Every structure is written in structure tokens, then in C-alpha cells.
Amino acid sequence: MEKYAWKASLLSGKRDEYVRRHNEIWQEMKDVLSQAGIRNYSIWLCGNEVFGYYECEKGIEFAAKTQADSPVVARWNEYMRDVMIMESDPVTGAQPLLEKVFEFN
């Protein structure tokens, strides 16, 4: 199973709103993540920095393509635009993959 990690920044004063929106994440967004083969998804905060991690049951390329092709994900990204700054990979449309330098199992 491939692993994927990403990062983003919250806009000043938007932490509580970011958390609220994820506490109320749309069922259709969860469905797309499941269809993309995404498992064990977690998001972490450190001040205004956001770090996300998930495992790709069907591979990173499949997960990225499924999300890139989804109108639900496009709508979610637009919905989140006023609370965070998130770069997108120009090829996949997903957040740029972080480079893994260490893993301990």
C-alpha cells in the first residue's frame, strides 16, 4: 500500500472554521475518498500549518486521478479556498506529494 503525505497553510484566524468543516465533512466527499482507495486518512494541525497523511489501497496515481476527476472534490476544494492556502501539483491536480525520508515500522 502506497503512502501519501501533503501539507498546506491555514489563513489567519481560520483554524476553528477549518476544524468545523472537517467535523461536518460531506458524505459524498467520504464516498469519493473511499472510491479512490484512500484509507487511514488523518489531518494534523501545528499552528496554521496543516499536514495530511493517507494510504492508497489502489496506488497514489489511482487516488490522485479519482480525486482530480471528481466534481465533488472540485466543489470541496472551492469550499475550502477561503480558509486555507493549498498548492496543487500541475500534473495531478492534487497536493504535491511530500518526500518521505524516514519510516519506522
PDB file of N, CA and C in Angstrom:
ATOM      1  N   MET A   1       0.850  -1.171   0.000  1.00  0.00           N
ATOM      2  CA  MET A   1       0.000   0.000   0.000  1.00  0.00           C
ATOM      3  C   MET A   1       0.903   1.244   0.000  1.00  0.00           C
ATOM      4  N   GLU A   2       0.676   2.123  -0.957  1.00  0.00           N
ATOM      5  CA  GLU A   2       1.459   3.356  -1.040  1.00  0.00           C
ATOM      6  C   GLU A   2       0.944   4.382  -0.034  1.00  0.00           C
ATOM      7  N   LYS A   3       1.852   5.205   0.447  1.00  0.00           N
ATOM      8  CA  LYS A   3       1.521   6.230   1.433  1.00  0.00           C
ATOM      9  C   LYS A   3       1.656   7.608   0.802  1.00  0.00           C
ATOM     10  N   TYR A   4       0.807   8.515   1.241  1.00  0.00           N
ATOM     11  CA  TYR A   4       0.772   9.858   0.667  1.00  0.00           C
ATOM     12  C   TYR A   4       0.718  10.869   1.803  1.00  0.00           C
ATOM     13  N   ALA A   5       1.539  11.879   1.739  1.00  0.00           N
ATOM     14  CA  ALA A   5       1.525  12.953   2.737  1.00  0.00           C
ATOM     15  C   ALA A   5       1.531  14.288   2.010  1.00  0.00           C
ATOM     16  N   TRP A   6       0.792  15.251   2.555  1.00  0.00           N
ATOM     17  CA  TRP A   6       0.686  16.573   1.949  1.00  0.00           C
ATOM     18  C   TRP A   6       0.677  17.631   3.048  1.00  0.00           C
ATOM     19  N   LYS A   7       0.872  18.883   2.647  1.00  0.00           N
ATOM     20  CA  LYS A   7       0.820  19.975   3.612  1.00  0.00           C
ATOM     21  C   LYS A   7       0.141  21.186   2.989  1.00  0.00           C
ATOM     22  N   ALA A   8      -0.343  22.063   3.846  1.00  0.00           N
ATOM     23  CA  ALA A   8      -0.991  23.303   3.419  1.00  0.00           C
ATOM     24  C   ALA A   8      -0.903  24.284   4.583  1.00  0.00           C
ATOM     25  N   SER A   9      -1.379  25.486   4.370  1.00  0.00           N
ATOM     26  CA  SER A   9      -1.399  26.507   5.414  1.00  0.00           C
ATOM     27  C   SER A   9      -2.807  27.057   5.564  1.00  0.00           C
ATOM     28  N   LEU A  10      -3.180  27.335   6.797  1.00  0.00           N
ATOM     29  CA  LEU A  10      -4.465  27.973   7.053  1.00  0.00           C
ATOM     30  C   LEU A  10      -4.307  29.479   6.985  1.00  0.00           C
ATOM     31  N   LEU A  11      -5.336  30.132   6.537  1.00  0.00           N
ATOM     32  CA  LEU A  11      -5.347  31.585   6.564  1.00  0.00           C
ATOM     33  C   LEU A  11      -5.521  32.031   8.018  1.00  0.00           C
ATOM     34  N   SER A  12      -5.000  33.181   8.340  1.00  0.00           N
ATOM     35  CA  SER A  12      -5.034  33.690   9.706  1.00  0.00           C
ATOM     36  C   SER A  12      -6.465  33.739  10.241  1.00  0.00           C
ATOM     37  N   GLY A  13      -6.649  33.206  11.442  1.00  0.00           N
ATOM     38  CA  GLY A  13      -7.950  33.233  12.083  1.00  0.00           C
ATOM     39  C   GLY A  13      -8.939  32.200  11.588  1.00  0.00           C
ATOM     40  N   LYS A  14      -8.515  31.268  10.745  1.00  0.00           N
ATOM     41  CA  LYS A  14      -9.453  30.304  10.136  1.00  0.00           C
ATOM     42  C   LYS A  14      -9.346  28.887  10.716  1.00  0.00           C
ATOM     43  N   ARG A  15      -8.559  28.701  11.749  1.00  0.00           N
ATOM     44  CA  ARG A  15      -8.360  27.369  12.320  1.00  0.00           C
ATOM     45  C   ARG A  15      -9.681  26.731  12.753  1.00  0.00           C
ATOM     46  N   ASP A  16     -10.464  27.446  13.548  1.00  0.00           N
ATOM     47  CA  ASP A  16     -11.720  26.888  14.049  1.00  0.00           C
ATOM     48  C   ASP A  16     -12.675  26.533  12.911  1.00  0.00           C
ATOM     49  N   GLU A  17     -12.714  27.365  11.880  1.00  0.00           N
ATOM     50  CA  GLU A  17     -13.588  27.092  10.731  1.00  0.00           C
ATOM     51  C   GLU A  17     -13.103  25.859   9.972  1.00  0.00           C
ATOM     52  N   TYR A  18     -11.792  25.724   9.825  1.00  0.00           N
ATOM     53  CA  TYR A  18     -11.219  24.552   9.157  1.00  0.00           C
ATOM     54  C   TYR A  18     -11.632  23.273   9.906  1.00  0.00           C
ATOM     55  N   VAL A  19     -11.474  23.297  11.218  1.00  0.00           N
ATOM     56  CA  VAL A  19     -11.835  22.138  12.038  1.00  0.00           C
ATOM     57  C   VAL A  19     -13.338  21.865  11.926  1.00  0.00           C
ATOM     58  N   ARG A  20     -14.168  22.899  12.008  1.00  0.00           N
ATOM     59  CA  ARG A  20     -15.610  22.730  11.917  1.00  0.00           C
ATOM     60  C   ARG A  20     -16.013  22.060  10.602  1.00  0.00           C
ATOM     61  N   ARG A  21     -15.436  22.529   9.499  1.00  0.00           N
ATOM     62  CA  ARG A  21     -15.792  21.961   8.197  1.00  0.00           C
ATOM     63  C   ARG A  21     -15.407  20.487   8.104  1.00  0.00           C
ATOM     64  N   HIS A  22     -14.300  20.112   8.708  1.00  0.00           N
ATOM     65  CA  HIS A  22     -13.915  18.702   8.671  1.00  0.00           C
ATOM     66  C   HIS A  22     -14.753  17.861   9.631  1.00  0.00           C
ATOM     67  N   ASN A  23     -15.214  18.464  10.705  1.00  0.00           N
ATOM     68  CA  ASN A  23     -16.145  17.750  11.593  1.00  0.00           C
ATOM     69  C   ASN A  23     -17.477  17.492  10.906  1.00  0.00           C
ATOM     70  N   GLU A  24     -17.773  18.284   9.884  1.00  0.00           N
ATOM     71  CA  GLU A  24     -19.030  18.163   9.146  1.00  0.00           C
ATOM     72  C   GLU A  24     -18.793  17.763   7.684  1.00  0.00           C
ATOM     73  N   ILE A  25     -17.716  17.021   7.442  1.00  0.00           N
ATOM     74  CA  ILE A  25     -17.364  16.662   6.061  1.00  0.00           C
ATOM     75  C   ILE A  25     -18.544  15.971   5.376  1.00  0.00           C
ATOM     76  N   TRP A  26     -18.749  16.308   4.133  1.00  0.00           N
ATOM     77  CA  TRP A  26     -19.866  15.769   3.356  1.00  0.00           C
ATOM     78  C   TRP A  26     -19.713  14.256   3.169  1.00  0.00           C
ATOM     79  N   GLN A  27     -20.813  13.548   3.246  1.00  0.00           N
ATOM     80  CA  GLN A  27     -20.795  12.106   2.996  1.00  0.00           C
ATOM     81  C   GLN A  27     -20.309  11.815   1.572  1.00  0.00           C
ATOM     82  N   GLU A  28     -20.715  12.645   0.618  1.00  0.00           N
ATOM     83  CA  GLU A  28     -20.288  12.410  -0.768  1.00  0.00           C
ATOM     84  C   GLU A  28     -18.775  12.582  -0.923  1.00  0.00           C
ATOM     85  N   MET A  29     -18.147  13.412  -0.087  1.00  0.00           N
ATOM     86  CA  MET A  29     -16.696  13.548  -0.118  1.00  0.00           C
ATOM     87  C   MET A  29     -16.058  12.277   0.451  1.00  0.00           C
ATOM     88  N   LYS A  30     -16.602  11.759   1.533  1.00  0.00           N
ATOM     89  CA  LYS A  30     -16.101  10.498   2.087  1.00  0.00           C
ATOM     90  C   LYS A  30     -16.229   9.374   1.059  1.00  0.00           C
ATOM     91  N   ASP A  31     -17.339   9.378   0.316  1.00  0.00           N
ATOM     92  CA  ASP A  31     -17.557   8.350  -0.702  1.00  0.00           C
ATOM     93  C   ASP A  31     -16.481   8.400  -1.786  1.00  0.00           C
ATOM     94  N   VAL A  32     -16.128   9.606  -2.229  1.00  0.00           N
ATOM     95  CA  VAL A  32     -15.081   9.749  -3.257  1.00  0.00           C
ATOM     96  C   VAL A  32     -13.745   9.250  -2.713  1.00  0.00           C
ATOM     97  N   LEU A  33     -13.423   9.592  -1.481  1.00  0.00           N
ATOM     98  CA  LEU A  33     -12.167   9.134  -0.888  1.00  0.00           C
ATOM     99  C   LEU A  33     -12.137   7.607  -0.836  1.00  0.00           C
ATOM    100  N   SER A  34     -13.253   7.004  -0.473  1.00  0.00           N
ATOM    101  CA  SER A  34     -13.326   5.536  -0.448  1.00  0.00           C
ATOM    102  C   SER A  34     -13.162   4.952  -1.841  1.00  0.00           C
ATOM    103  N   GLN A  35     -13.836   5.552  -2.836  1.00  0.00           N
ATOM    104  CA  GLN A  35     -13.723   5.076  -4.220  1.00  0.00           C
ATOM    105  C   GLN A  35     -12.291   5.208  -4.729  1.00  0.00           C
ATOM    106  N   ALA A  36     -11.573   6.217  -4.221  1.00  0.00           N
ATOM    107  CA  ALA A  36     -10.181   6.430  -4.631  1.00  0.00           C
ATOM    108  C   ALA A  36      -9.228   5.451  -3.966  1.00  0.00           C
ATOM    109  N   GLY A  37      -9.751   4.621  -3.053  1.00  0.00           N
ATOM    110  CA  GLY A  37      -8.907   3.655  -2.355  1.00  0.00           C
ATOM    111  C   GLY A  37      -8.130   4.259  -1.208  1.00  0.00           C
ATOM    112  N   ILE A  38      -8.580   5.398  -0.723  1.00  0.00           N
ATOM    113  CA  ILE A  38      -7.884   6.095   0.367  1.00  0.00           C
ATOM    114  C   ILE A  38      -8.329   5.504   1.699  1.00  0.00           C
ATOM    115  N   ARG A  39      -7.342   5.145   2.508  1.00  0.00           N
ATOM    116  CA  ARG A  39      -7.586   4.554   3.825  1.00  0.00           C
ATOM    117  C   ARG A  39      -6.683   5.246   4.849  1.00  0.00           C
ATOM    118  N   ASN A  40      -7.072   5.129   6.109  1.00  0.00           N
ATOM    119  CA  ASN A  40      -6.268   5.658   7.216  1.00  0.00           C
ATOM    120  C   ASN A  40      -5.880   7.117   7.001  1.00  0.00           C
ATOM    121  N   TYR A  41      -6.855   7.938   6.627  1.00  0.00           N
ATOM    122  CA  TYR A  41      -6.626   9.358   6.349  1.00  0.00           C
ATOM    123  C   TYR A  41      -6.689  10.132   7.659  1.00  0.00           C
ATOM    124  N   SER A  42      -5.654  10.908   7.923  1.00  0.00           N
ATOM    125  CA  SER A  42      -5.664  11.784   9.091  1.00  0.00           C
ATOM    126  C   SER A  42      -5.069  13.131   8.704  1.00  0.00           C
ATOM    127  N   ILE A  43      -5.549  14.158   9.382  1.00  0.00           N
ATOM    128  CA  ILE A  43      -5.057  15.519   9.172  1.00  0.00           C
ATOM    129  C   ILE A  43      -4.629  16.064  10.521  1.00  0.00           C
ATOM    130  N   TRP A  44      -3.473  16.708  10.539  1.00  0.00           N
ATOM    131  CA  TRP A  44      -2.881  17.233  11.764  1.00  0.00           C
ATOM    132  C   TRP A  44      -2.660  18.734  11.620  1.00  0.00           C
ATOM    133  N   LEU A  45      -2.767  19.454  12.726  1.00  0.00           N
ATOM    134  CA  LEU A  45      -2.518  20.891  12.753  1.00  0.00           C
ATOM    135  C   LEU A  45      -1.349  21.211  13.671  1.00  0.00           C
ATOM    136  N   CYS A  46      -0.561  22.193  13.253  1.00  0.00           N
ATOM    137  CA  CYS A  46       0.501  22.759  14.079  1.00  0.00           C
ATOM    138  C   CYS A  46       0.461  24.257  13.815  1.00  0.00           C
ATOM    139  N   GLY A  47      -0.175  25.004  14.703  1.00  0.00           N
ATOM    140  CA  GLY A  47      -0.392  26.424  14.440  1.00  0.00           C
ATOM    141  C   GLY A  47      -1.267  26.559  13.205  1.00  0.00           C
ATOM    142  N   ASN A  48      -0.783  27.278  12.208  1.00  0.00           N
ATOM    143  CA  ASN A  48      -1.527  27.438  10.952  1.00  0.00           C
ATOM    144  C   ASN A  48      -1.062  26.475   9.864  1.00  0.00           C
ATOM    145  N   GLU A  49      -0.215  25.539  10.218  1.00  0.00           N
ATOM    146  CA  GLU A  49       0.248  24.547   9.252  1.00  0.00           C
ATOM    147  C   GLU A  49      -0.618  23.292   9.351  1.00  0.00           C
ATOM    148  N   VAL A  50      -0.973  22.736   8.190  1.00  0.00           N
ATOM    149  CA  VAL A  50      -1.806  21.539   8.104  1.00  0.00           C
ATOM    150  C   VAL A  50      -0.967  20.440   7.449  1.00  0.00           C
ATOM    151  N   PHE A  51      -1.035  19.253   8.030  1.00  0.00           N
ATOM    152  CA  PHE A  51      -0.338  18.100   7.480  1.00  0.00           C
ATOM    153  C   PHE A  51      -1.336  16.969   7.337  1.00  0.00           C
ATOM    154  N   GLY A  52      -1.430  16.388   6.146  1.00  0.00           N
ATOM    155  CA  GLY A  52      -2.329  15.268   5.911  1.00  0.00           C
ATOM    156  C   GLY A  52      -1.560  14.023   5.510  1.00  0.00           C
ATOM    157  N   TYR A  53      -2.110  12.882   5.893  1.00  0.00           N
ATOM    158  CA  TYR A  53      -1.498  11.592   5.566  1.00  0.00           C
ATOM    159  C   TYR A  53      -2.599  10.591   5.252  1.00  0.00           C
ATOM    160  N   TYR A  54      -2.401   9.806   4.193  1.00  0.00           N
ATOM    161  CA  TYR A  54      -3.297   8.683   3.942  1.00  0.00           C
ATOM    162  C   TYR A  54      -2.564   7.583   3.200  1.00  0.00           C
ATOM    163  N   GLU A  55      -3.193   6.423   3.200  1.00  0.00           N
ATOM    164  CA  GLU A  55      -2.659   5.269   2.496  1.00  0.00           C
ATOM    165  C   GLU A  55      -3.532   5.003   1.287  1.00  0.00           C
ATOM    166  N   CYS A  56      -2.890   4.629   0.191  1.00  0.00           N
ATOM    167  CA  CYS A  56      -3.579   4.442  -1.092  1.00  0.00           C
ATOM    168  C   CYS A  56      -3.652   2.963  -1.425  1.00  0.00           C
ATOM    169  N   GLU A  57      -4.789   2.381  -1.155  1.00  0.00           N
ATOM    170  CA  GLU A  57      -5.009   0.959  -1.376  1.00  0.00           C
ATOM    171  C   GLU A  57      -4.847   0.566  -2.850  1.00  0.00           C
ATOM    172  N   LYS A  58      -5.210   1.493  -3.745  1.00  0.00           N
ATOM    173  CA  LYS A  58      -5.137   1.221  -5.184  1.00  0.00           C
ATOM    174  C   LYS A  58      -3.997   1.988  -5.844  1.00  0.00           C
ATOM    175  N   GLY A  59      -3.106   2.558  -5.052  1.00  0.00           N
ATOM    176  CA  GLY A  59      -1.964   3.301  -5.564  1.00  0.00           C
ATOM    177  C   GLY A  59      -2.202   4.804  -5.593  1.00  0.00           C
ATOM    178  N   ILE A  60      -1.116   5.538  -5.510  1.00  0.00           N
ATOM    179  CA  ILE A  60      -1.172   7.005  -5.487  1.00  0.00           C
ATOM    180  C   ILE A  60      -1.754   7.551  -6.781  1.00  0.00           C
ATOM    181  N   GLU A  61      -1.335   7.008  -7.918  1.00  0.00           N
ATOM    182  CA  GLU A  61      -1.832   7.508  -9.208  1.00  0.00           C
ATOM    183  C   GLU A  61      -3.346   7.351  -9.328  1.00  0.00           C
ATOM    184  N   PHE A  62      -3.872   6.210  -8.904  1.00  0.00           N
ATOM    185  CA  PHE A  62      -5.314   5.985  -8.957  1.00  0.00           C
ATOM    186  C   PHE A  62      -6.047   6.958  -8.033  1.00  0.00           C
ATOM    187  N   ALA A  63      -5.535   7.134  -6.820  1.00  0.00           N
ATOM    188  CA  ALA A  63      -6.154   8.053  -5.861  1.00  0.00           C
ATOM    189  C   ALA A  63      -6.152   9.478  -6.393  1.00  0.00           C
ATOM    190  N   ALA A  64      -5.025   9.898  -6.960  1.00  0.00           N
ATOM    191  CA  ALA A  64      -4.923  11.264  -7.495  1.00  0.00           C
ATOM    192  C   ALA A  64      -5.877  11.461  -8.670  1.00  0.00           C
ATOM    193  N   LYS A  65      -5.937  10.493  -9.578  1.00  0.00           N
ATOM    194  CA  LYS A  65      -6.813  10.626 -10.750  1.00  0.00           C
ATOM    195  C   LYS A  65      -8.284  10.636 -10.343  1.00  0.00           C
ATOM    196  N   THR A  66      -8.654   9.755  -9.430  1.00  0.00           N
ATOM    197  CA  THR A  66     -10.041   9.705  -8.971  1.00  0.00           C
ATOM    198  C   THR A  66     -10.454  11.044  -8.367  1.00  0.00           C
ATOM    199  N   GLN A  67      -9.577  11.625  -7.561  1.00  0.00           N
ATOM    200  CA  GLN A  67      -9.886  12.917  -6.953  1.00  0.00           C
ATOM    201  C   GLN A  67      -9.904  14.033  -7.996  1.00  0.00           C
ATOM    202  N   ALA A  68      -8.942  14.012  -8.910  1.00  0.00           N
ATOM    203  CA  ALA A  68      -8.863  15.055  -9.936  1.00  0.00           C
ATOM    204  C   ALA A  68     -10.084  15.049 -10.849  1.00  0.00           C
ATOM    205  N   ASP A  69     -10.646  13.878 -11.088  1.00  0.00           N
ATOM    206  CA  ASP A  69     -11.803  13.748 -11.985  1.00  0.00           C
ATOM    207  C   ASP A  69     -13.145  13.973 -11.281  1.00  0.00           C
ATOM    208  N   SER A  70     -13.115  14.176  -9.980  1.00  0.00           N
ATOM    209  CA  SER A  70     -14.355  14.247  -9.213  1.00  0.00           C
ATOM    210  C   SER A  70     -14.889  15.678  -9.073  1.00  0.00           C
ATOM    211  N   PRO A  71     -16.130  15.919  -9.492  1.00  0.00           N
ATOM    212  CA  PRO A  71     -16.742  17.232  -9.270  1.00  0.00           C
ATOM    213  C   PRO A  71     -16.970  17.509  -7.781  1.00  0.00           C
ATOM    214  N   VAL A  72     -17.113  16.452  -6.979  1.00  0.00           N
ATOM    215  CA  VAL A  72     -17.286  16.633  -5.530  1.00  0.00           C
ATOM    216  C   VAL A  72     -16.003  17.206  -4.928  1.00  0.00           C
ATOM    217  N   VAL A  73     -14.864  16.654  -5.315  1.00  0.00           N
ATOM    218  CA  VAL A  73     -13.579  17.149  -4.813  1.00  0.00           C
ATOM    219  C   VAL A  73     -13.354  18.584  -5.282  1.00  0.00           C
ATOM    220  N   ALA A  74     -13.695  18.881  -6.517  1.00  0.00           N
ATOM    221  CA  ALA A  74     -13.555  20.260  -7.023  1.00  0.00           C
ATOM    222  C   ALA A  74     -14.407  21.217  -6.192  1.00  0.00           C
ATOM    223  N   ARG A  75     -15.620  20.788  -5.862  1.00  0.00           N
ATOM    224  CA  ARG A  75     -16.507  21.621  -5.042  1.00  0.00           C
ATOM    225  C   ARG A  75     -15.953  21.780  -3.631  1.00  0.00           C
ATOM    226  N   TRP A  76     -15.399  20.699  -3.053  1.00  0.00           N
ATOM    227  CA  TRP A  76     -14.793  20.759  -1.717  1.00  0.00           C
ATOM    228  C   TRP A  76     -13.602  21.715  -1.717  1.00  0.00           C
ATOM    229  N   ASN A  77     -12.748  21.606  -2.727  1.00  0.00           N
ATOM    230  CA  ASN A  77     -11.582  22.496  -2.805  1.00  0.00           C
ATOM    231  C   ASN A  77     -12.005  23.957  -2.888  1.00  0.00           C
ATOM    232  N   GLU A  78     -13.047  24.225  -3.637  1.00  0.00           N
ATOM    233  CA  GLU A  78     -13.566  25.597  -3.728  1.00  0.00           C
ATOM    234  C   GLU A  78     -14.128  26.042  -2.377  1.00  0.00           C
ATOM    235  N   TYR A  79     -14.829  25.156  -1.703  1.00  0.00           N
ATOM    236  CA  TYR A  79     -15.407  25.417  -0.379  1.00  0.00           C
ATOM    237  C   TYR A  79     -14.320  25.752   0.642  1.00  0.00           C
ATOM    238  N   MET A  80     -13.167  25.117   0.514  1.00  0.00           N
ATOM    239  CA  MET A  80     -12.078  25.310   1.477  1.00  0.00           C
ATOM    240  C   MET A  80     -11.162  26.474   1.124  1.00  0.00           C
ATOM    241  N   ARG A  81     -11.316  27.043  -0.056  1.00  0.00           N
ATOM    242  CA  ARG A  81     -10.423  28.088  -0.539  1.00  0.00           C
ATOM    243  C   ARG A  81     -10.366  29.321   0.379  1.00  0.00           C
ATOM    244  N   ASP A  82     -11.448  29.619   1.091  1.00  0.00           N
ATOM    245  CA  ASP A  82     -11.455  30.811   1.936  1.00  0.00           C
ATOM    246  C   ASP A  82     -10.879  30.580   3.335  1.00  0.00           C
ATOM    247  N   VAL A  83     -10.429  29.345   3.619  1.00  0.00           N
ATOM    248  CA  VAL A  83      -9.819  29.082   4.918  1.00  0.00           C
ATOM    249  C   VAL A  83      -8.373  28.595   4.830  1.00  0.00           C
ATOM    250  N   MET A  84      -7.925  28.237   3.624  1.00  0.00           N
ATOM    251  CA  MET A  84      -6.570  27.689   3.532  1.00  0.00           C
ATOM    252  C   MET A  84      -5.895  27.991   2.199  1.00  0.00           C
ATOM    253  N   ILE A  85      -4.583  27.884   2.232  1.00  0.00           N
ATOM    254  CA  ILE A  85      -3.759  28.015   1.029  1.00  0.00           C
ATOM    255  C   ILE A  85      -3.202  26.625   0.745  1.00  0.00           C
ATOM    256  N   MET A  86      -3.565  26.083  -0.410  1.00  0.00           N
ATOM    257  CA  MET A  86      -3.142  24.746  -0.754  1.00  0.00           C
ATOM    258  C   MET A  86      -2.606  24.738  -2.179  1.00  0.00           C
ATOM    259  N   GLU A  87      -1.341  24.393  -2.298  1.00  0.00           N
ATOM    260  CA  GLU A  87      -0.748  24.275  -3.625  1.00  0.00           C
ATOM    261  C   GLU A  87      -1.282  23.021  -4.305  1.00  0.00           C
ATOM    262  N   SER A  88      -1.297  23.037  -5.626  1.00  0.00           N
ATOM    263  CA  SER A  88      -1.686  21.855  -6.387  1.00  0.00           C
ATOM    264  C   SER A  88      -0.583  21.476  -7.361  1.00  0.00           C
ATOM    265  N   ASP A  89      -0.377  20.180  -7.489  1.00  0.00           N
ATOM    266  CA  ASP A  89       0.571  19.670  -8.476  1.00  0.00           C
ATOM    267  C   ASP A  89      -0.035  19.935  -9.850  1.00  0.00           C
ATOM    268  N   PRO A  90       0.690  20.590 -10.762  1.00  0.00           N
ATOM    269  CA  PRO A  90       0.121  20.910 -12.069  1.00  0.00           C
ATOM    270  C   PRO A  90      -0.235  19.678 -12.912  1.00  0.00           C
ATOM    271  N   VAL A  91       0.386  18.556 -12.634  1.00  0.00           N
ATOM    272  CA  VAL A  91       0.118  17.341 -13.403  1.00  0.00           C
ATOM    273  C   VAL A  91      -1.101  16.599 -12.858  1.00  0.00           C
ATOM    274  N   THR A  92      -1.141  16.386 -11.535  1.00  0.00           N
ATOM    275  CA  THR A  92      -2.202  15.574 -10.943  1.00  0.00           C
ATOM    276  C   THR A  92      -3.377  16.401 -10.426  1.00  0.00           C
ATOM    277  N   GLY A  93      -3.152  17.668 -10.126  1.00  0.00           N
ATOM    278  CA  GLY A  93      -4.191  18.492  -9.526  1.00  0.00           C
ATOM    279  C   GLY A  93      -4.309  18.268  -8.026  1.00  0.00           C
ATOM    280  N   ALA A  94      -3.580  17.301  -7.490  1.00  0.00           N
ATOM    281  CA  ALA A  94      -3.592  17.007  -6.055  1.00  0.00           C
ATOM    282  C   ALA A  94      -2.514  17.836  -5.355  1.00  0.00           C
ATOM    283  N   GLN A  95      -2.520  17.762  -4.030  1.00  0.00           N
ATOM    284  CA  GLN A  95      -1.458  18.426  -3.292  1.00  0.00           C
ATOM    285  C   GLN A  95      -0.131  17.754  -3.635  1.00  0.00           C
ATOM    286  N   PRO A  96       0.944  18.533  -3.717  1.00  0.00           N
ATOM    287  CA  PRO A  96       2.234  17.919  -4.011  1.00  0.00           C
ATOM    288  C   PRO A  96       2.616  16.889  -2.945  1.00  0.00           C
ATOM    289  N   LEU A  97       3.064  15.745  -3.392  1.00  0.00           N
ATOM    290  CA  LEU A  97       3.493  14.663  -2.507  1.00  0.00           C
ATOM    291  C   LEU A  97       4.750  15.086  -1.755  1.00  0.00           C
ATOM    292  N   LEU A  98       4.731  14.926  -0.431  1.00  0.00           N
ATOM    293  CA  LEU A  98       5.924  15.202   0.357  1.00  0.00           C
ATOM    294  C   LEU A  98       6.927  14.066   0.181  1.00  0.00           C
ATOM    295  N   GLU A  99       8.189  14.383   0.305  1.00  0.00           N
ATOM    296  CA  GLU A  99       9.243  13.377   0.174  1.00  0.00           C
ATOM    297  C   GLU A  99       9.432  12.656   1.511  1.00  0.00           C
ATOM    298  N   LYS A 100       9.276  11.346   1.507  1.00  0.00           N
ATOM    299  CA  LYS A 100       9.494  10.561   2.718  1.00  0.00           C
ATOM    300  C   LYS A 100      10.990  10.340   2.891  1.00  0.00           C
ATOM    301  N   VAL A 101      11.498  10.634   4.087  1.00  0.00           N
ATOM    302  CA  VAL A 101      12.921  10.447   4.348  1.00  0.00           C
ATOM    303  C   VAL A 101      13.186   9.413   5.443  1.00  0.00           C
ATOM    304  N   PHE A 102      12.139   9.019   6.172  1.00  0.00           N
ATOM    305  CA  PHE A 102      12.326   8.042   7.253  1.00  0.00           C
ATOM    306  C   PHE A 102      11.017   7.346   7.543  1.00  0.00           C
ATOM    307  N   GLU A 103      11.091   6.060   7.838  1.00  0.00           N
ATOM    308  CA  GLU A 103       9.907   5.314   8.260  1.00  0.00           C
ATOM    309  C   GLU A 103      10.349   4.240   9.232  1.00  0.00           C
ATOM    310  N   PHE A 104       9.630   4.104  10.313  1.00  0.00           N
ATOM    311  CA  PHE A 104       9.895   3.082  11.316  1.00  0.00           C
ATOM    312  C   PHE A 104       8.652   2.239  11.500  1.00  0.00           C
ATOM    313  N   ASN A 105       8.756   0.957  11.279  1.00  0.00           N
ATOM    314  CA  ASN A 105       7.609   0.047  11.428  1.00  0.00           C
ATOM    315  C   ASN A 105       7.806  -0.833  12.649  1.00  0.00           C
TER     316      ASN A 105
END
